[in-house]
C-alpha cells in the first residue's frame, strides 16, 4: 500500500442555487446532484485515481448511503477492508453552490463520529505497509491523535488537513507531523492571526512551525499554495482556469499532492501537481466526479 486514509466519508447532496433563501423563504433551485464525498473519501479517491494504492479506514451506517459509499470505494480501487458498518446513519453533506461557483457546506457526521482509536489499531497491520497516513477533522479528535501516535510508532509520515476546524484542536498533540495543510480561513482560526496578506499568512505559519510541525502548506485557492518550512517560505502559483464548481478542489489538491510526494519525495513538484489537478477539477461540476483519471481523461496540460 502507498497511502492510508483515516477519515470521513459522506454522501454529497449538492444544490446549485441562484441565492440562499432568507428566513422563512422558499426559493427554487435549478439543479440538484448527489455524489460521494467526505474529505477523507475525496482525498482517497483523488490519490487512487492517479494510481496510488490506498486503504481507507472509516465507518459507514447501515443504510443505502453506506451501500453507495462502499460501491464507490471499490469502483475507485480503494481497499475497503477497514470500512466498518455501524447502526448510526451514514454521513451526509448538503452543499450549496452559487452562480459564482462559491460553495457553502453543512456536514452531518453520522457514523464518522464513531470512528475510534480501536478501529485504527485494528488496521495497524495494513497501515504499517503504507508510506503516508492522511487525516482530516471530520472524525473524533481522539482518533486523530491516536493515528498520529501510531504513525510516530511505525515511522510513517502523517499529513493532517485540519478541516473542518476544531476549536479544541491541541497543537501540542500534533507536533512532529510531516505535513499540515490548512486553507486561509482554517489557518486564521487555528492561529488566531490575520491572513489578509501573504505576509500575514507567512507569520501565521511561523506559529505552527514553532509547534514542531515540519511542513505547513496553505492552500490559497486560485492563487496556488504557500509552503513554509524551517528554511523559508515560497509561493507556488496555480494555473488560471474558468471555474464552474470549486467543491472538493482542496481535497483534489491534497490527494494529488500525497500521491506525487509518495512517488517522488519532492514537495515543490507535489504542490505544483496538486495545483494543476485542483485547477482542472474546478472546470467541471461535482466533487469526486470532477477528479481526472491518470489515463486518457487526464488533460495533457496537467502532465507537464
C-alpha atoms as a PDB file:
ATOM      1  CA  UNK A   1       0.000   0.000   0.000  1.00  0.00           C
ATOM      2  CA  UNK A   2       1.047   3.616  -0.613  1.00  0.00           C
ATOM      3  CA  UNK A   3      -1.391   5.664   1.480  1.00  0.00           C
ATOM      4  CA  UNK A   4      -3.659   5.033   4.462  1.00  0.00           C
ATOM      5  CA  UNK A   5      -6.536   7.489   4.768  1.00  0.00           C
ATOM      6  CA  UNK A   6      -8.040   7.542   8.254  1.00  0.00           C
ATOM      7  CA  UNK A   7     -11.016   9.789   7.796  1.00  0.00           C
ATOM      8  CA  UNK A   8     -14.534  10.563   6.794  1.00  0.00           C
ATOM      9  CA  UNK A   9     -16.930   9.609   4.072  1.00  0.00           C
ATOM     10  CA  UNK A  10     -20.103  11.464   3.149  1.00  0.00           C
ATOM     11  CA  UNK A  11     -22.791  11.404   0.530  1.00  0.00           C
ATOM     12  CA  UNK A  12     -22.873  14.867  -1.034  1.00  0.00           C
ATOM     13  CA  UNK A  13     -26.309  16.401  -1.645  1.00  0.00           C
ATOM     14  CA  UNK A  14     -25.461  19.271  -3.986  1.00  0.00           C
ATOM     15  CA  UNK A  15     -27.909  22.077  -4.794  1.00  0.00           C
ATOM     16  CA  UNK A  16     -26.962  24.628  -7.454  1.00  0.00           C
ATOM     17  CA  UNK A  17     -28.740  27.807  -6.389  1.00  0.00           C
ATOM     18  CA  UNK A  18     -29.351  31.356  -7.589  1.00  0.00           C
ATOM     19  CA  UNK A  19     -29.161  32.562  -3.995  1.00  0.00           C
ATOM     20  CA  UNK A  20     -29.661  31.345  -0.438  1.00  0.00           C
ATOM     21  CA  UNK A  21     -33.217  31.786   0.888  1.00  0.00           C
ATOM     22  CA  UNK A  22     -33.947  34.343   3.583  1.00  0.00           C
ATOM     23  CA  UNK A  23     -35.548  33.345   6.896  1.00  0.00           C
ATOM     24  CA  UNK A  24     -38.917  31.690   6.245  1.00  0.00           C
ATOM     25  CA  UNK A  25     -38.486  31.896   2.464  1.00  0.00           C
ATOM     26  CA  UNK A  26     -38.687  29.076  -0.073  1.00  0.00           C
ATOM     27  CA  UNK A  27     -36.777  29.544  -3.324  1.00  0.00           C
ATOM     28  CA  UNK A  28     -36.460  27.364  -6.395  1.00  0.00           C
ATOM     29  CA  UNK A  29     -33.060  25.950  -7.342  1.00  0.00           C
ATOM     30  CA  UNK A  30     -32.283  24.980 -10.941  1.00  0.00           C
ATOM     31  CA  UNK A  31     -30.329  21.769 -10.322  1.00  0.00           C
ATOM     32  CA  UNK A  32     -29.606  19.027  -7.767  1.00  0.00           C
ATOM     33  CA  UNK A  33     -26.969  16.306  -7.864  1.00  0.00           C
ATOM     34  CA  UNK A  34     -25.948  13.545  -5.487  1.00  0.00           C
ATOM     35  CA  UNK A  35     -22.485  12.064  -5.235  1.00  0.00           C
ATOM     36  CA  UNK A  36     -19.954  10.546  -2.886  1.00  0.00           C
ATOM     37  CA  UNK A  37     -17.823  12.846  -0.786  1.00  0.00           C
ATOM     38  CA  UNK A  38     -16.389  13.499   2.644  1.00  0.00           C
ATOM     39  CA  UNK A  39     -12.918  14.955   2.975  1.00  0.00           C
ATOM     40  CA  UNK A  40     -11.250  11.640   3.721  1.00  0.00           C
ATOM     41  CA  UNK A  41     -13.006   9.820   0.909  1.00  0.00           C
ATOM     42  CA  UNK A  42     -12.376  12.661  -1.548  1.00  0.00           C
ATOM     43  CA  UNK A  43      -8.661  12.650  -0.856  1.00  0.00           C
ATOM     44  CA  UNK A  44      -8.535   8.867  -1.065  1.00  0.00           C
ATOM     45  CA  UNK A  45     -10.347   8.834  -4.411  1.00  0.00           C
ATOM     46  CA  UNK A  46      -8.127  11.569  -5.876  1.00  0.00           C
ATOM     47  CA  UNK A  47      -4.959   9.703  -4.898  1.00  0.00           C
ATOM     48  CA  UNK A  48      -6.324   6.371  -6.115  1.00  0.00           C
ATOM     49  CA  UNK A  49      -7.480   7.768  -9.451  1.00  0.00           C
ATOM     50  CA  UNK A  50      -3.924   8.962 -10.006  1.00  0.00           C
ATOM     51  CA  UNK A  51      -2.543   5.485  -9.394  1.00  0.00           C
ATOM     52  CA  UNK A  52      -1.813   5.309  -5.661  1.00  0.00           C
ATOM     53  CA  UNK A  53      -2.653   2.170  -3.697  1.00  0.00           C
ATOM     54  CA  UNK A  54      -4.986   3.413  -0.950  1.00  0.00           C
ATOM     55  CA  UNK A  55      -6.528   1.762   2.106  1.00  0.00           C
ATOM     56  CA  UNK A  56      -9.461   3.566   3.738  1.00  0.00           C
ATOM     57  CA  UNK A  57     -10.164   3.415   7.478  1.00  0.00           C
ATOM     58  CA  UNK A  58     -13.655   4.772   8.149  1.00  0.00           C
ATOM     59  CA  UNK A  59     -17.174   3.956   9.371  1.00  0.00           C
ATOM     60  CA  UNK A  60     -20.442   3.918   7.444  1.00  0.00           C
ATOM     61  CA  UNK A  61     -24.019   3.387   8.568  1.00  0.00           C
ATOM     62  CA  UNK A  62     -26.373   0.541   7.799  1.00  0.00           C
ATOM     63  CA  UNK A  63     -28.337   2.317   5.077  1.00  0.00           C
ATOM     64  CA  UNK A  64     -28.491   2.917   1.345  1.00  0.00           C
ATOM     65  CA  UNK A  65     -25.887   5.688   1.606  1.00  0.00           C
ATOM     66  CA  UNK A  66     -23.434   3.140   3.041  1.00  0.00           C
ATOM     67  CA  UNK A  67     -24.022   0.809   0.099  1.00  0.00           C
ATOM     68  CA  UNK A  68     -23.389   3.697  -2.283  1.00  0.00           C
ATOM     69  CA  UNK A  69     -20.172   4.641  -0.484  1.00  0.00           C
ATOM     70  CA  UNK A  70     -18.786   1.095  -0.429  1.00  0.00           C
ATOM     71  CA  UNK A  71     -19.519   0.591  -4.113  1.00  0.00           C
ATOM     72  CA  UNK A  72     -17.838   3.915  -4.888  1.00  0.00           C
ATOM     73  CA  UNK A  73     -14.692   2.951  -2.987  1.00  0.00           C
ATOM     74  CA  UNK A  74     -14.497  -0.367  -4.808  1.00  0.00           C
ATOM     75  CA  UNK A  75     -15.122   1.267  -8.179  1.00  0.00           C
ATOM     76  CA  UNK A  76     -12.202   3.600  -7.498  1.00  0.00           C
ATOM     77  CA  UNK A  77      -9.843   0.803  -6.491  1.00  0.00           C
ATOM     78  CA  UNK A  78      -9.711   1.627  -2.769  1.00  0.00           C
ATOM     79  CA  UNK A  79      -9.147  -1.157  -0.219  1.00  0.00           C
ATOM     80  CA  UNK A  80     -12.321  -1.388   1.915  1.00  0.00           C
ATOM     81  CA  UNK A  81     -11.084  -3.958   4.443  1.00  0.00           C
ATOM     82  CA  UNK A  82     -11.343  -1.358   7.206  1.00  0.00           C
ATOM     83  CA  UNK A  83     -14.591   0.329   6.156  1.00  0.00           C
ATOM     84  CA  UNK A  84     -16.714  -0.648   9.152  1.00  0.00           C
ATOM     85  CA  UNK A  85     -20.519  -0.632   9.439  1.00  0.00           C
ATOM     86  CA  UNK A  86     -22.407   0.734  12.426  1.00  0.00           C
ATOM     87  CA  UNK A  87     -26.064   1.283  13.333  1.00  0.00           C
ATOM     88  CA  UNK A  88     -25.730   5.071  13.082  1.00  0.00           C
ATOM     89  CA  UNK A  89     -26.752   6.880   9.909  1.00  0.00           C
ATOM     90  CA  UNK A  90     -24.110   7.382   7.261  1.00  0.00           C
ATOM     91  CA  UNK A  91     -22.572  10.823   6.956  1.00  0.00           C
ATOM     92  CA  UNK A  92     -24.186  13.300   4.568  1.00  0.00           C
ATOM     93  CA  UNK A  93     -23.173  16.748   3.349  1.00  0.00           C
ATOM     94  CA  UNK A  94     -25.731  19.202   1.932  1.00  0.00           C
ATOM     95  CA  UNK A  95     -23.783  21.564  -0.361  1.00  0.00           C
ATOM     96  CA  UNK A  96     -24.997  24.825  -1.889  1.00  0.00           C
ATOM     97  CA  UNK A  97     -23.203  26.224  -4.947  1.00  0.00           C
ATOM     98  CA  UNK A  98     -23.978  29.763  -6.125  1.00  0.00           C
ATOM     99  CA  UNK A  99     -23.674  31.203  -9.670  1.00  0.00           C
ATOM    100  CA  UNK A 100     -20.124  32.405  -8.883  1.00  0.00           C
ATOM    101  CA  UNK A 101     -19.134  28.805  -8.014  1.00  0.00           C
ATOM    102  CA  UNK A 102     -18.743  29.618  -4.335  1.00  0.00           C
ATOM    103  CA  UNK A 103     -19.893  26.823  -2.065  1.00  0.00           C
ATOM    104  CA  UNK A 104     -21.343  26.530   1.429  1.00  0.00           C
ATOM    105  CA  UNK A 105     -21.332  23.126   3.103  1.00  0.00           C
ATOM    106  CA  UNK A 106     -23.099  21.520   6.056  1.00  0.00           C
ATOM    107  CA  UNK A 107     -21.919  18.171   7.380  1.00  0.00           C
ATOM    108  CA  UNK A 108     -23.823  15.584   9.395  1.00  0.00           C
ATOM    109  CA  UNK A 109     -21.056  13.260  10.574  1.00  0.00           C
ATOM    110  CA  UNK A 110     -23.242  10.263  11.418  1.00  0.00           C
ATOM    111  CA  UNK A 111     -21.146   7.086  11.556  1.00  0.00           C
ATOM    112  CA  UNK A 112     -17.950   9.089  11.085  1.00  0.00           C
ATOM    113  CA  UNK A 113     -18.322  10.300  14.675  1.00  0.00           C
ATOM    114  CA  UNK A 114     -17.954   6.690  15.847  1.00  0.00           C
ATOM    115  CA  UNK A 115     -14.574   6.013  14.219  1.00  0.00           C
ATOM    116  CA  UNK A 116     -12.422   5.138  17.222  1.00  0.00           C
ATOM    117  CA  UNK A 117      -8.766   4.660  18.177  1.00  0.00           C
ATOM    118  CA  UNK A 118      -9.571   0.941  18.446  1.00  0.00           C
ATOM    119  CA  UNK A 119     -10.679   0.946  14.794  1.00  0.00           C
ATOM    120  CA  UNK A 120      -7.334   2.464  13.815  1.00  0.00           C
ATOM    121  CA  UNK A 121      -5.439  -0.048  15.923  1.00  0.00           C
ATOM    122  CA  UNK A 122      -7.396  -2.782  14.169  1.00  0.00           C
ATOM    123  CA  UNK A 123      -5.979  -1.536  10.869  1.00  0.00           C
ATOM    124  CA  UNK A 124      -2.392  -1.330  12.177  1.00  0.00           C
ATOM    125  CA  UNK A 125      -1.098  -4.202  10.054  1.00  0.00           C
ATOM    126  CA  UNK A 126      -2.252  -2.605   6.795  1.00  0.00           C
ATOM    127  CA  UNK A 127      -1.309   0.928   7.859  1.00  0.00           C
ATOM    128  CA  UNK A 128       2.207  -0.327   8.602  1.00  0.00           C
ATOM    129  CA  UNK A 129       2.699  -1.135   4.900  1.00  0.00           C
ATOM    130  CA  UNK A 130       1.986   2.467   3.836  1.00  0.00           C
ATOM    131  CA  UNK A 131       4.320   5.365   3.070  1.00  0.00           C
ATOM    132  CA  UNK A 132       1.956   8.125   4.233  1.00  0.00           C
ATOM    133  CA  UNK A 133      -1.022   8.488   6.580  1.00  0.00           C
ATOM    134  CA  UNK A 134      -3.655  11.112   5.744  1.00  0.00           C
ATOM    135  CA  UNK A 135      -6.043  12.656   8.286  1.00  0.00           C
ATOM    136  CA  UNK A 136      -8.789  15.294   8.420  1.00  0.00           C
ATOM    137  CA  UNK A 137     -11.039  16.566  11.220  1.00  0.00           C
ATOM    138  CA  UNK A 138     -14.404  15.047  10.285  1.00  0.00           C
ATOM    139  CA  UNK A 139     -13.668  12.224  12.740  1.00  0.00           C
ATOM    140  CA  UNK A 140     -13.199  12.389  16.549  1.00  0.00           C
ATOM    141  CA  UNK A 141     -10.083  14.239  17.699  1.00  0.00           C
ATOM    142  CA  UNK A 142      -9.011  11.370  19.937  1.00  0.00           C
ATOM    143  CA  UNK A 143      -8.931   9.169  16.844  1.00  0.00           C
ATOM    144  CA  UNK A 144      -6.839  11.779  15.042  1.00  0.00           C
ATOM    145  CA  UNK A 145      -4.371  11.923  17.937  1.00  0.00           C
ATOM    146  CA  UNK A 146      -4.214   8.126  18.196  1.00  0.00           C
ATOM    147  CA  UNK A 147      -3.458   7.876  14.479  1.00  0.00           C
ATOM    148  CA  UNK A 148      -0.675  10.451  14.751  1.00  0.00           C
ATOM    149  CA  UNK A 149       0.817   8.465  17.632  1.00  0.00           C
ATOM    150  CA  UNK A 150       0.579   5.258  15.602  1.00  0.00           C
ATOM    151  CA  UNK A 151       2.324   6.937  12.690  1.00  0.00           C
ATOM    152  CA  UNK A 152       5.113   8.005  15.030  1.00  0.00           C
ATOM    153  CA  UNK A 153       5.492   4.467  16.397  1.00  0.00           C
ATOM    154  CA  UNK A 154       5.530   2.973  12.897  1.00  0.00           C
ATOM    155  CA  UNK A 155       7.806   5.673  11.472  1.00  0.00           C
ATOM    156  CA  UNK A 156       5.247   6.708   8.846  1.00  0.00           C
ATOM    157  CA  UNK A 157       4.855  10.418   7.935  1.00  0.00           C
ATOM    158  CA  UNK A 158       1.464  11.969   8.706  1.00  0.00           C
ATOM    159  CA  UNK A 159      -0.431  14.588   6.682  1.00  0.00           C
ATOM    160  CA  UNK A 160      -3.191  16.441   8.549  1.00  0.00           C
ATOM    161  CA  UNK A 161      -5.771  18.570   6.760  1.00  0.00           C
ATOM    162  CA  UNK A 162      -7.402  20.492   9.671  1.00  0.00           C
ATOM    163  CA  UNK A 163     -10.843  20.698   8.116  1.00  0.00           C
ATOM    164  CA  UNK A 164     -13.374  21.444   9.304  1.00  0.00           C
ATOM    165  CA  UNK A 165     -11.625  23.454  12.006  1.00  0.00           C
ATOM    166  CA  UNK A 166     -11.974  22.037  15.511  1.00  0.00           C
ATOM    167  CA  UNK A 167     -11.508  24.908  18.007  1.00  0.00           C
ATOM    168  CA  UNK A 168     -10.333  22.403  20.602  1.00  0.00           C
ATOM    169  CA  UNK A 169      -7.522  21.032  18.388  1.00  0.00           C
ATOM    170  CA  UNK A 170      -4.459  20.643  20.637  1.00  0.00           C
ATOM    171  CA  UNK A 171      -1.415  21.756  18.651  1.00  0.00           C
ATOM    172  CA  UNK A 172       0.897  20.095  21.146  1.00  0.00           C
ATOM    173  CA  UNK A 173      -0.609  16.720  20.267  1.00  0.00           C
ATOM    174  CA  UNK A 174       0.049  17.129  16.549  1.00  0.00           C
ATOM    175  CA  UNK A 175       3.638  18.340  16.843  1.00  0.00           C
ATOM    176  CA  UNK A 176       6.074  16.363  14.759  1.00  0.00           C
ATOM    177  CA  UNK A 177       3.688  15.599  11.889  1.00  0.00           C
ATOM    178  CA  UNK A 178       5.219  15.917   8.445  1.00  0.00           C
ATOM    179  CA  UNK A 179       2.532  17.987   6.686  1.00  0.00           C
ATOM    180  CA  UNK A 180      -0.135  20.381   7.985  1.00  0.00           C
ATOM    181  CA  UNK A 181      -2.445  21.591   5.192  1.00  0.00           C
ATOM    182  CA  UNK A 182      -4.983  24.297   6.106  1.00  0.00           C
ATOM    183  CA  UNK A 183      -6.646  26.799   3.821  1.00  0.00           C
ATOM    184  CA  UNK A 184      -6.552  30.503   4.686  1.00  0.00           C
ATOM    185  CA  UNK A 185      -9.655  30.584   6.868  1.00  0.00           C
ATOM    186  CA  UNK A 186      -8.574  27.453   8.740  1.00  0.00           C
ATOM    187  CA  UNK A 187      -5.131  28.943   9.329  1.00  0.00           C
ATOM    188  CA  UNK A 188      -6.715  32.119  10.717  1.00  0.00           C
ATOM    189  CA  UNK A 189      -8.963  30.235  13.130  1.00  0.00           C
ATOM    190  CA  UNK A 190      -6.252  27.862  14.314  1.00  0.00           C
ATOM    191  CA  UNK A 191      -3.605  30.519  14.972  1.00  0.00           C
ATOM    192  CA  UNK A 192      -5.866  33.467  15.831  1.00  0.00           C
ATOM    193  CA  UNK A 193      -3.784  35.610  13.476  1.00  0.00           C
ATOM    194  CA  UNK A 194      -4.882  37.675  10.449  1.00  0.00           C
ATOM    195  CA  UNK A 195      -4.413  36.243   6.962  1.00  0.00           C
ATOM    196  CA  UNK A 196      -5.241  39.328   4.894  1.00  0.00           C
ATOM    197  CA  UNK A 197      -1.911  39.384   3.045  1.00  0.00           C
ATOM    198  CA  UNK A 198       0.702  36.834   2.056  1.00  0.00           C
ATOM    199  CA  UNK A 199       2.972  38.336   4.708  1.00  0.00           C
ATOM    200  CA  UNK A 200       0.242  37.777   7.310  1.00  0.00           C
ATOM    201  CA  UNK A 201      -0.141  34.180   6.166  1.00  0.00           C
ATOM    202  CA  UNK A 202       3.595  33.652   6.438  1.00  0.00           C
ATOM    203  CA  UNK A 203       3.656  34.965  10.002  1.00  0.00           C
ATOM    204  CA  UNK A 204       0.790  32.645  10.924  1.00  0.00           C
ATOM    205  CA  UNK A 205       2.701  29.657   9.545  1.00  0.00           C
ATOM    206  CA  UNK A 206       5.629  30.606  11.790  1.00  0.00           C
ATOM    207  CA  UNK A 207       3.406  29.865  14.794  1.00  0.00           C
ATOM    208  CA  UNK A 208       2.794  26.340  13.535  1.00  0.00           C
ATOM    209  CA  UNK A 209       6.443  25.774  12.685  1.00  0.00           C
ATOM    210  CA  UNK A 210       7.203  26.782  16.258  1.00  0.00           C
ATOM    211  CA  UNK A 211       4.992  23.960  17.492  1.00  0.00           C
ATOM    212  CA  UNK A 212       7.220  21.445  15.731  1.00  0.00           C
ATOM    213  CA  UNK A 213       5.330  20.727  12.510  1.00  0.00           C
ATOM    214  CA  UNK A 214       7.786  20.091   9.679  1.00  0.00           C
ATOM    215  CA  UNK A 215       5.923  21.484   6.656  1.00  0.00           C
ATOM    216  CA  UNK A 216       2.985  23.898   6.501  1.00  0.00           C
ATOM    217  CA  UNK A 217       1.227  24.051   3.134  1.00  0.00           C
ATOM    218  CA  UNK A 218      -1.522  26.676   2.969  1.00  0.00           C
ATOM    219  CA  UNK A 219      -3.889  26.338   0.028  1.00  0.00           C
ATOM    220  CA  UNK A 220      -4.754  29.737  -1.455  1.00  0.00           C
ATOM    221  CA  UNK A 221      -7.480  28.835  -3.937  1.00  0.00           C
ATOM    222  CA  UNK A 222      -6.870  30.281  -7.387  1.00  0.00           C
ATOM    223  CA  UNK A 223      -3.576  31.799  -6.190  1.00  0.00           C
ATOM    224  CA  UNK A 224      -1.978  28.411  -5.567  1.00  0.00           C
ATOM    225  CA  UNK A 225      -0.312  27.465  -2.290  1.00  0.00           C
ATOM    226  CA  UNK A 226       2.290  28.645   0.218  1.00  0.00           C
ATOM    227  CA  UNK A 227       4.864  26.180   1.524  1.00  0.00           C
ATOM    228  CA  UNK A 228       6.511  27.125   4.810  1.00  0.00           C
ATOM    229  CA  UNK A 229       9.294  25.120   6.441  1.00  0.00           C
ATOM    230  CA  UNK A 230      12.376  25.697   8.581  1.00  0.00           C
ATOM    231  CA  UNK A 231      14.426  27.033   5.656  1.00  0.00           C
ATOM    232  CA  UNK A 232      11.876  29.568   4.457  1.00  0.00           C
ATOM    233  CA  UNK A 233       8.644  30.092   2.535  1.00  0.00           C
ATOM    234  CA  UNK A 234       7.633  30.031  -1.107  1.00  0.00           C
ATOM    235  CA  UNK A 235       4.517  30.527  -3.216  1.00  0.00           C
ATOM    236  CA  UNK A 236       3.707  28.001  -5.924  1.00  0.00           C
ATOM    237  CA  UNK A 237       1.155  29.555  -8.272  1.00  0.00           C
ATOM    238  CA  UNK A 238      -1.840  27.742  -9.742  1.00  0.00           C
ATOM    239  CA  UNK A 239      -2.868  27.771 -13.427  1.00  0.00           C
ATOM    240  CA  UNK A 240      -5.596  30.216 -14.419  1.00  0.00           C
ATOM    241  CA  UNK A 241      -8.822  28.421 -15.385  1.00  0.00           C
ATOM    242  CA  UNK A 242     -12.523  29.195 -15.683  1.00  0.00           C
ATOM    243  CA  UNK A 243     -14.077  27.733 -12.530  1.00  0.00           C
ATOM    244  CA  UNK A 244     -17.620  26.372 -12.603  1.00  0.00           C
ATOM    245  CA  UNK A 245     -17.636  24.491  -9.258  1.00  0.00           C
ATOM    246  CA  UNK A 246     -14.930  24.684  -6.576  1.00  0.00           C
ATOM    247  CA  UNK A 247     -16.455  21.950  -4.387  1.00  0.00           C
ATOM    248  CA  UNK A 248     -13.782  19.428  -3.404  1.00  0.00           C
ATOM    249  CA  UNK A 249     -10.900  21.325  -5.006  1.00  0.00           C
ATOM    250  CA  UNK A 250      -8.907  21.388  -1.777  1.00  0.00           C
ATOM    251  CA  UNK A 251      -9.301  17.628  -1.427  1.00  0.00           C
ATOM    252  CA  UNK A 252      -8.222  17.154  -5.048  1.00  0.00           C
ATOM    253  CA  UNK A 253      -5.083  19.157  -4.285  1.00  0.00           C
ATOM    254  CA  UNK A 254      -4.279  17.101  -1.191  1.00  0.00           C
ATOM    255  CA  UNK A 255      -4.917  13.722  -2.808  1.00  0.00           C
ATOM    256  CA  UNK A 256      -2.736  14.582  -5.788  1.00  0.00           C
ATOM    257  CA  UNK A 257      -0.032  16.091  -3.567  1.00  0.00           C
ATOM    258  CA  UNK A 258       0.059  12.915  -1.475  1.00  0.00           C
ATOM    259  CA  UNK A 259       0.388  10.636  -4.484  1.00  0.00           C
ATOM    260  CA  UNK A 260       3.147  12.733  -6.051  1.00  0.00           C
ATOM    261  CA  UNK A 261       5.066  13.110  -2.785  1.00  0.00           C
ATOM    262  CA  UNK A 262       4.882   9.382  -2.019  1.00  0.00           C
ATOM    263  CA  UNK A 263       6.203   8.637  -5.510  1.00  0.00           C
ATOM    264  CA  UNK A 264       8.960  11.250  -5.730  1.00  0.00           C
ATOM    265  CA  UNK A 265       9.534  12.943  -2.358  1.00  0.00           C
ATOM    266  CA  UNK A 266       9.725  16.426  -3.929  1.00  0.00           C
ATOM    267  CA  UNK A 267       7.456  18.858  -2.062  1.00  0.00           C
ATOM    268  CA  UNK A 268       7.599  21.662  -4.635  1.00  0.00           C
ATOM    269  CA  UNK A 269       6.795  19.303  -7.502  1.00  0.00           C
ATOM    270  CA  UNK A 270       3.981  17.718  -5.486  1.00  0.00           C
ATOM    271  CA  UNK A 271       2.450  21.141  -4.754  1.00  0.00           C
ATOM    272  CA  UNK A 272       2.722  22.095  -8.411  1.00  0.00           C
ATOM    273  CA  UNK A 273       0.978  18.860  -9.409  1.00  0.00           C
ATOM    274  CA  UNK A 274      -1.700  19.432  -6.764  1.00  0.00           C
ATOM    275  CA  UNK A 275      -2.321  22.946  -8.072  1.00  0.00           C
ATOM    276  CA  UNK A 276      -2.799  21.667 -11.611  1.00  0.00           C
ATOM    277  CA  UNK A 277      -5.046  18.799 -10.549  1.00  0.00           C
ATOM    278  CA  UNK A 278      -7.247  21.044  -8.385  1.00  0.00           C
ATOM    279  CA  UNK A 279      -7.418  23.659 -11.150  1.00  0.00           C
ATOM    280  CA  UNK A 280      -8.619  21.034 -13.599  1.00  0.00           C
ATOM    281  CA  UNK A 281     -11.244  19.787 -11.125  1.00  0.00           C
ATOM    282  CA  UNK A 282     -12.962  23.177 -10.807  1.00  0.00           C
ATOM    283  CA  UNK A 283     -13.680  23.238 -14.547  1.00  0.00           C
ATOM    284  CA  UNK A 284     -16.324  20.522 -14.032  1.00  0.00           C
ATOM    285  CA  UNK A 285     -19.342  20.154 -11.752  1.00  0.00           C
ATOM    286  CA  UNK A 286     -19.323  17.767  -8.827  1.00  0.00           C
ATOM    287  CA  UNK A 287     -16.835  16.646  -6.212  1.00  0.00           C
ATOM    288  CA  UNK A 288     -15.226  13.264  -6.867  1.00  0.00           C
ATOM    289  CA  UNK A 289     -16.850  13.195 -10.294  1.00  0.00           C
ATOM    290  CA  UNK A 290     -14.673  16.185 -11.227  1.00  0.00           C
ATOM    291  CA  UNK A 291     -11.401  14.367 -10.457  1.00  0.00           C
ATOM    292  CA  UNK A 292      -9.476  13.300 -13.548  1.00  0.00           C
ATOM    293  CA  UNK A 293      -8.066   9.814 -14.043  1.00  0.00           C
ATOM    294  CA  UNK A 294      -4.415   9.204 -14.868  1.00  0.00           C
ATOM    295  CA  UNK A 295      -5.339   7.866 -18.294  1.00  0.00           C
ATOM    296  CA  UNK A 296      -6.791   9.303 -21.474  1.00  0.00           C
ATOM    297  CA  UNK A 297      -9.112  11.583 -19.486  1.00  0.00           C
ATOM    298  CA  UNK A 298      -6.119  13.235 -17.796  1.00  0.00           C
ATOM    299  CA  UNK A 299      -5.583  16.555 -19.635  1.00  0.00           C
ATOM    300  CA  UNK A 300      -2.249  16.926 -21.403  1.00  0.00           C
ATOM    301  CA  UNK A 301      -1.581  20.283 -19.722  1.00  0.00           C
ATOM    302  CA  UNK A 302      -1.646  18.507 -16.336  1.00  0.00           C
ATOM    303  CA  UNK A 303       1.160  16.171 -17.354  1.00  0.00           C
ATOM    304  CA  UNK A 304       3.812  18.849 -17.863  1.00  0.00           C
END
